[in-house]
Protein backbone atom coordinates (compact mmCIF):
# COMPACT_ATOMS: atom_id res chain seq x y z
CA MET A 1 144.00 15.33 116.85
CA THR A 2 145.78 18.47 118.06
CA GLU A 3 148.72 19.44 115.86
CA THR A 4 151.61 21.17 117.64
CA PHE A 5 155.15 21.86 116.51
CA ASP A 6 158.29 22.79 118.42
CA HIS A 7 160.18 25.53 116.56
CA GLY A 8 163.00 25.53 119.12
CA GLY A 9 164.17 28.33 121.36
CA GLY A 10 161.03 28.24 123.52
CA ILE A 11 158.55 28.69 120.66
CA ARG A 12 155.83 26.22 119.71
CA SER A 13 152.80 26.46 117.43
CA ILE A 14 149.29 25.03 117.65
CA GLN A 15 147.07 24.51 114.59
CA VAL A 16 143.78 25.99 115.81
CA PRO A 17 141.02 25.16 113.28
CA ILE A 18 138.94 27.77 111.46
CA PRO A 19 135.44 26.32 110.98
CA ASP A 20 134.23 26.02 107.37
CA ASN A 21 137.20 27.87 105.91
CA PRO A 22 139.60 26.68 103.20
CA LEU A 23 142.55 28.11 105.19
CA GLY A 24 142.00 25.23 107.60
CA TYR A 25 143.68 26.63 110.69
CA THR A 26 145.48 29.52 112.34
CA LEU A 27 148.95 28.90 113.72
CA VAL A 28 148.83 30.16 117.30
CA TYR A 29 152.37 30.57 118.62
CA VAL A 30 153.25 29.87 122.25
CA VAL A 31 156.30 31.87 123.34
CA ASP A 32 157.94 30.96 126.65
CA THR A 33 158.76 33.95 128.86
CA ASP A 34 160.00 34.40 132.42
CA ARG A 35 156.39 35.04 133.55
CA GLY A 36 154.66 32.28 131.63
CA PRO A 37 153.61 31.67 128.05
CA VAL A 38 152.59 34.52 125.74
CA LEU A 39 150.42 33.73 122.71
CA VAL A 40 150.86 35.32 119.31
CA ASP A 41 147.21 35.34 118.15
CA SER A 42 144.56 33.12 119.71
CA GLY A 43 142.37 31.47 117.05
CA TRP A 44 138.70 31.52 116.09
CA ASP A 45 135.98 31.90 118.74
CA ASP A 46 134.38 28.47 118.36
CA PRO A 47 133.99 25.64 120.92
CA ALA A 48 135.98 23.18 118.79
CA SER A 49 138.73 25.75 118.25
CA ARG A 50 138.93 26.46 121.96
CA GLU A 51 139.20 22.75 122.72
CA VAL A 52 142.13 22.46 120.32
CA LEU A 53 143.84 25.52 121.81
CA THR A 54 143.40 24.10 125.33
CA ALA A 55 144.69 20.66 124.30
CA GLY A 56 147.57 22.25 122.41
CA LEU A 57 148.67 24.28 125.42
CA ALA A 58 148.58 21.10 127.51
CA ALA A 59 150.75 19.37 124.88
CA CYS A 60 153.17 22.29 125.23
CA GLY A 61 153.37 21.66 128.97
CA THR A 62 151.22 24.59 130.07
CA SER A 63 147.55 25.66 130.24
CA VAL A 64 145.20 28.52 129.41
CA THR A 65 145.25 29.62 133.07
CA GLU A 66 149.04 30.18 132.91
CA VAL A 67 149.01 32.47 129.86
CA HIS A 68 150.72 35.79 130.64
CA GLY A 69 149.62 37.73 127.57
CA VAL A 70 148.16 37.61 124.05
CA VAL A 71 149.76 39.63 121.25
CA VAL A 72 147.24 40.05 118.41
CA THR A 73 148.75 40.59 114.97
CA HIS A 74 145.43 41.98 113.68
CA HIS A 75 141.73 42.10 114.49
CA HIS A 76 140.39 39.34 112.21
CA PRO A 77 138.37 36.69 114.10
CA ASP A 78 140.72 33.81 113.27
CA HIS A 79 143.47 35.73 115.07
CA HIS A 80 141.65 37.66 117.81
CA GLY A 81 138.56 35.51 118.38
CA LEU A 82 139.59 33.62 121.54
CA SER A 83 141.65 36.41 123.10
CA GLY A 84 138.87 37.47 125.48
CA GLN A 85 138.27 33.93 126.70
CA VAL A 86 141.99 33.41 127.30
CA ARG A 87 142.04 36.65 129.31
CA GLU A 88 139.01 35.57 131.36
CA ALA A 89 140.66 32.24 132.21
CA SER A 90 144.11 33.59 133.05
CA GLY A 91 144.01 37.34 133.69
CA ALA A 92 146.35 37.77 130.72
CA TRP A 93 146.73 41.11 128.98
CA VAL A 94 145.65 41.45 125.34
CA ALA A 95 147.67 43.78 123.10
CA MET A 96 146.76 45.17 119.67
CA HIS A 97 147.82 48.08 117.46
CA PRO A 98 145.59 51.14 118.10
CA ALA A 99 144.36 51.28 114.48
CA ASP A 100 142.87 47.79 114.77
CA ALA A 101 141.75 48.42 118.34
CA ALA A 102 139.70 51.32 116.97
CA ILE A 103 138.02 48.93 114.51
CA VAL A 104 137.18 46.53 117.36
CA ARG A 105 135.74 49.39 119.40
CA ARG A 106 133.71 50.69 116.46
CA THR A 107 132.41 47.19 115.72
CA ARG A 108 131.21 46.75 119.29
CA GLU A 109 129.55 50.16 119.49
CA THR A 110 127.76 50.24 116.12
CA ARG A 111 124.24 48.83 115.86
CA PRO A 112 123.81 45.91 113.43
CA GLU A 113 121.40 47.82 111.21
CA ARG A 114 123.98 50.60 110.82
CA TRP A 115 126.53 48.07 109.53
CA TYR A 116 124.09 46.56 107.05
CA ALA A 117 123.09 50.00 105.77
CA TYR A 118 126.73 51.05 105.43
CA MET A 119 127.70 47.88 103.53
CA ALA A 120 124.69 48.20 101.24
CA ALA A 121 125.60 51.80 100.46
CA LYS A 122 129.26 50.92 99.81
CA LEU A 123 128.34 48.09 97.43
CA THR A 124 125.79 50.25 95.63
CA ALA A 125 128.42 52.97 95.16
CA ALA A 126 130.79 50.30 93.79
CA GLY A 127 128.22 49.35 91.14
CA ALA A 128 126.90 46.11 92.67
CA PRO A 129 123.61 44.96 91.10
CA ALA A 130 120.41 45.43 93.08
CA GLU A 131 119.95 41.68 93.57
CA HIS A 132 123.31 41.47 95.35
CA VAL A 133 122.56 44.39 97.67
CA ALA A 134 118.98 43.29 98.46
CA PRO A 135 119.89 40.70 101.15
CA LEU A 136 121.79 43.36 103.10
CA ARG A 137 118.85 45.72 103.01
CA ALA A 138 116.53 42.92 104.16
CA ALA A 139 118.85 41.85 107.00
CA ARG A 140 119.17 45.17 108.77
CA ARG A 141 117.50 44.03 111.98
CA ARG A 142 119.21 40.68 112.23
CA THR A 143 122.15 40.09 114.52
CA PHE A 144 125.40 40.77 112.71
CA PRO A 145 127.98 38.05 113.49
CA GLY A 146 131.19 38.98 115.28
CA LEU A 147 129.97 42.26 116.77
CA ALA A 148 131.45 41.67 120.24
CA PRO A 149 135.19 40.95 119.88
CA ALA A 150 137.21 41.51 123.05
CA LEU A 151 138.56 45.01 123.60
CA PRO A 152 142.35 44.89 124.00
CA ASP A 153 143.71 46.37 127.22
CA ARG A 154 147.18 47.25 125.88
CA GLU A 155 148.31 49.09 122.76
CA ILE A 156 151.17 47.81 120.63
CA VAL A 157 153.61 50.66 120.00
CA PRO A 158 155.50 50.23 116.70
CA GLY A 159 159.25 50.03 117.16
CA GLU A 160 159.07 49.19 120.86
CA LEU A 161 159.75 45.91 122.65
CA LEU A 162 156.69 44.12 123.99
CA ASP A 163 156.27 43.00 127.60
CA LEU A 164 157.77 39.54 127.26
CA PRO A 165 160.17 39.19 130.20
CA GLY A 166 163.33 37.40 129.14
CA ARG A 167 162.60 37.84 125.39
CA ARG A 168 163.24 40.58 122.82
CA LEU A 169 160.12 40.88 120.68
CA ARG A 170 159.80 44.15 118.77
CA ALA A 171 156.61 45.37 117.04
CA ILE A 172 156.79 46.28 113.35
CA TRP A 173 153.72 48.13 112.02
CA THR A 174 152.76 46.57 108.69
CA PRO A 175 149.42 48.04 107.52
CA GLY A 176 147.67 46.80 104.39
CA HIS A 177 145.87 43.56 105.22
CA THR A 178 144.30 45.61 108.03
CA PRO A 179 145.17 49.17 109.12
CA GLY A 180 146.75 47.99 112.37
CA HIS A 181 148.42 44.77 111.30
CA VAL A 182 151.74 44.15 113.04
CA CYS A 183 154.60 41.75 112.51
CA LEU A 184 156.74 40.82 115.50
CA HIS A 185 160.51 40.63 115.21
CA LEU A 186 162.13 38.24 117.68
CA GLU A 187 165.58 39.76 118.04
CA GLU A 188 167.30 36.59 119.19
CA GLU A 189 169.69 34.23 117.46
CA HIS A 190 167.94 31.40 115.63
CA PRO A 191 168.20 28.15 117.66
CA ASP A 192 169.65 26.38 114.58
CA ARG A 193 172.00 29.34 113.96
CA LEU A 194 170.45 30.05 110.56
CA PRO A 195 171.89 33.20 108.95
CA GLY A 196 169.76 36.29 109.28
CA SER A 197 168.28 38.65 111.83
CA GLY A 198 166.24 36.61 114.30
CA ARG A 199 162.75 35.36 113.50
CA LEU A 200 159.61 37.14 112.34
CA PHE A 201 156.04 36.37 113.39
CA SER A 202 154.41 37.64 110.20
CA GLY A 203 150.68 37.20 110.90
CA ASP A 204 148.95 37.44 107.51
CA HIS A 205 151.35 40.03 106.12
CA VAL A 206 153.73 37.54 104.50
CA LEU A 207 152.58 33.96 103.88
CA PRO A 208 154.62 31.31 102.03
CA GLU A 209 152.12 30.70 99.21
CA ILE A 210 149.03 32.86 99.73
CA THR A 211 148.76 36.51 98.69
CA PRO A 212 146.99 38.29 101.58
CA HIS A 213 143.76 40.16 100.93
CA ILE A 214 144.10 43.95 100.96
CA GLY A 215 141.04 45.17 102.80
CA LEU A 216 139.10 48.39 103.28
CA TYR A 217 138.26 49.06 106.94
CA GLU A 218 136.83 52.52 107.11
CA ASP A 219 134.84 54.49 109.62
CA PRO A 220 131.35 55.07 108.18
CA ASP A 221 131.54 58.62 109.57
CA ASP A 222 134.98 59.41 108.12
CA ALA A 223 135.28 60.35 104.43
CA THR A 224 139.09 59.99 104.31
CA VAL A 225 140.20 58.07 101.20
CA THR A 226 142.82 55.54 102.25
CA ASP A 227 145.43 53.72 100.16
CA PRO A 228 145.74 50.27 101.80
CA LEU A 229 147.59 48.71 98.87
CA GLY A 230 150.20 51.46 98.97
CA ASP A 231 150.52 50.90 102.72
CA TYR A 232 150.94 47.17 102.15
CA LEU A 233 153.65 47.56 99.50
CA ASP A 234 155.59 49.98 101.72
CA SER A 235 155.25 47.55 104.64
CA LEU A 236 156.49 44.65 102.54
CA GLU A 237 159.67 46.50 101.66
CA ARG A 238 160.33 47.26 105.35
CA VAL A 239 159.94 43.59 106.25
CA GLY A 240 162.22 42.54 103.39
CA ARG A 241 164.96 44.79 104.74
CA LEU A 242 164.81 43.03 108.13
CA THR A 243 166.16 39.82 106.51
CA PRO A 244 164.93 37.48 109.28
CA ALA A 245 166.46 34.01 109.41
CA GLU A 246 162.97 32.47 109.45
CA VAL A 247 159.38 33.62 109.05
CA LEU A 248 156.68 32.18 111.34
CA PRO A 249 153.39 33.00 109.58
CA ALA A 250 149.85 32.62 110.90
CA HIS A 251 148.87 30.14 108.17
CA GLN A 252 150.52 27.32 106.23
CA TYR A 253 154.13 26.78 107.45
CA ALA A 254 157.38 28.42 108.53
CA PHE A 255 159.83 29.39 105.79
CA THR A 256 163.16 31.09 105.15
CA ASP A 257 164.36 33.69 102.59
CA ALA A 258 161.85 36.41 103.44
CA PRO A 259 163.38 38.87 100.91
CA ALA A 260 162.65 36.44 98.04
CA ARG A 261 159.03 36.03 99.14
CA VAL A 262 158.67 39.80 99.49
CA ARG A 263 159.96 40.25 95.93
CA GLN A 264 157.38 37.72 94.69
CA LEU A 265 154.56 39.61 96.41
CA LEU A 266 155.73 42.98 95.11
CA THR A 267 155.94 41.56 91.58
CA HIS A 268 152.48 39.99 91.92
CA HIS A 269 150.87 43.32 92.76
CA GLU A 270 152.76 45.23 90.07
CA ASP A 271 151.63 42.63 87.52
CA ARG A 272 148.06 42.86 88.80
CA LEU A 273 148.06 46.64 88.53
CA THR A 274 149.32 46.34 84.95
CA ASP A 275 146.58 43.82 84.13
CA LEU A 276 143.94 46.11 85.64
CA LEU A 277 145.12 49.03 83.53
CA ALA A 278 144.48 46.90 80.45
CA LEU A 279 140.96 46.16 81.71
CA LEU A 280 140.44 49.87 82.33
CA SER A 281 140.84 50.71 78.66
CA GLU A 282 137.07 51.09 78.99
CA PRO A 283 135.29 52.69 81.97
CA LEU A 284 134.49 50.17 84.71
CA THR A 285 132.98 50.40 88.18
CA PRO A 286 134.78 48.56 91.02
CA TRP A 287 132.16 45.79 90.75
CA GLN A 288 132.68 45.41 87.00
CA LEU A 289 136.43 45.37 87.52
CA ALA A 290 136.12 42.64 90.17
CA GLU A 291 134.02 40.57 87.77
CA ARG A 292 136.84 40.68 85.20
CA MET A 293 139.82 40.21 87.53
CA GLU A 294 141.62 36.88 87.90
CA TRP A 295 140.67 34.98 91.07
CA ASN A 296 141.30 31.43 92.22
CA ARG A 297 137.98 30.43 90.62
CA PRO A 298 135.53 31.86 88.05
CA TRP A 299 133.43 34.81 89.26
CA GLN A 300 130.25 32.74 88.92
CA GLU A 301 131.62 30.25 91.48
CA ILE A 302 132.66 32.84 94.07
CA PRO A 303 130.21 32.77 97.02
CA TYR A 304 128.28 35.83 98.14
CA PRO A 305 130.50 36.95 101.08
CA SER A 306 133.67 36.42 99.05
CA ARG A 307 132.34 38.66 96.27
CA ASN A 308 132.12 41.49 98.78
CA ILE A 309 135.77 40.88 99.69
CA ALA A 310 136.73 40.74 96.01
CA VAL A 311 135.08 44.11 95.33
CA SER A 312 136.99 45.71 98.23
CA GLU A 313 140.23 44.26 96.81
CA ALA A 314 139.38 45.72 93.39
CA GLU A 315 138.69 49.11 94.96
CA ALA A 316 141.99 49.01 96.88
CA HIS A 317 143.85 48.47 93.60
CA LEU A 318 141.85 51.23 91.91
CA ARG A 319 142.79 53.67 94.65
CA ARG A 320 146.44 52.82 94.14
CA LEU A 321 146.19 53.42 90.40
CA VAL A 322 144.46 56.76 90.96
CA LYS A 323 147.10 57.83 93.48
CA LEU A 324 149.84 56.90 91.00
CA GLY A 325 148.10 58.97 88.31
CA ARG A 326 147.52 55.89 86.13
CA ALA A 327 143.70 55.89 86.35
CA GLU A 328 140.98 58.42 87.07
CA PRO A 329 137.24 58.53 87.77
CA VAL A 330 135.00 59.30 84.83
CA ALA A 331 133.34 62.66 85.38
CA GLY A 332 129.59 62.43 85.86
CA SER A 333 129.47 58.61 86.07
CA GLU A 334 127.00 57.13 88.58
CA PRO A 335 128.00 54.78 90.09
CA VAL A 336 131.54 56.04 89.64
CA ALA A 337 133.48 54.30 86.87
CA TYR A 338 137.25 54.48 86.36
CA VAL A 339 139.38 54.50 83.24
CA ALA A 340 143.11 54.22 82.58
CA VAL A 341 144.95 57.48 81.92
């Protein structure tokens, strides 16, 4: 059964399923405009997901062929996956922040074996055991999933209004979850006249109960050391200052009091950094740190792909601690270990 919800003011949402994922679904928002519906995100590229999106649009009184545009909050496949198929069916434009568009372009242009070699090298440098890295080395010539996401044909410019005739939807750059993640501020009075400044499509940046993953998305040929957690914390504070009347996230459910949720997330990361400093009383590699961090299940129960994500999260927190001068690499360690200062 297709689940849709009318949020009022010409905005509806469709629960587009994510196959074999505990998140369950992505909320794809359908925004009425003077030139037809515009989607905020599109859902996973899967036949069942496309069927639900198609049925959901019909339930909203429209169709895929009438879509005017797709605004992608970030490049992840549960948000961007069906964008290309929607464009093929309707001629719609697809918009994305240039930082995430660059990741999509790099993903399409890089050979699968290059990705496997890069990931194996990154995990080895993080201190992953040989048995964890071995499958990546063995899989170099296999097809890497998700290597052909659709290239966007428009760039989202932070601070500017998007091309939604009859609506005022402004892009807010909120890096952290991905380098080009954007939130979208609908600068219109809430249909129920709730106090606050319009409504915010928050993507994965601010969710009502989940703490978003802070990821590392780096060019294999660029040695720049990024600080995605620092970017995320700065972005959170900007969103909190907007004080939207309601937040429309990409997962779970709509909620109010964005500043309170932002404070919870800021506190969570400050507490986590404090906990990691205690762990770093002895030198640890990013892999060893990930093994000791608190997750939603014991490390032994975390599946293989999720361990890779956990290690990147640990490294993102380590980079923040180093930038703050609260941790440092141990000279001469190989792989590099870190210790609290």
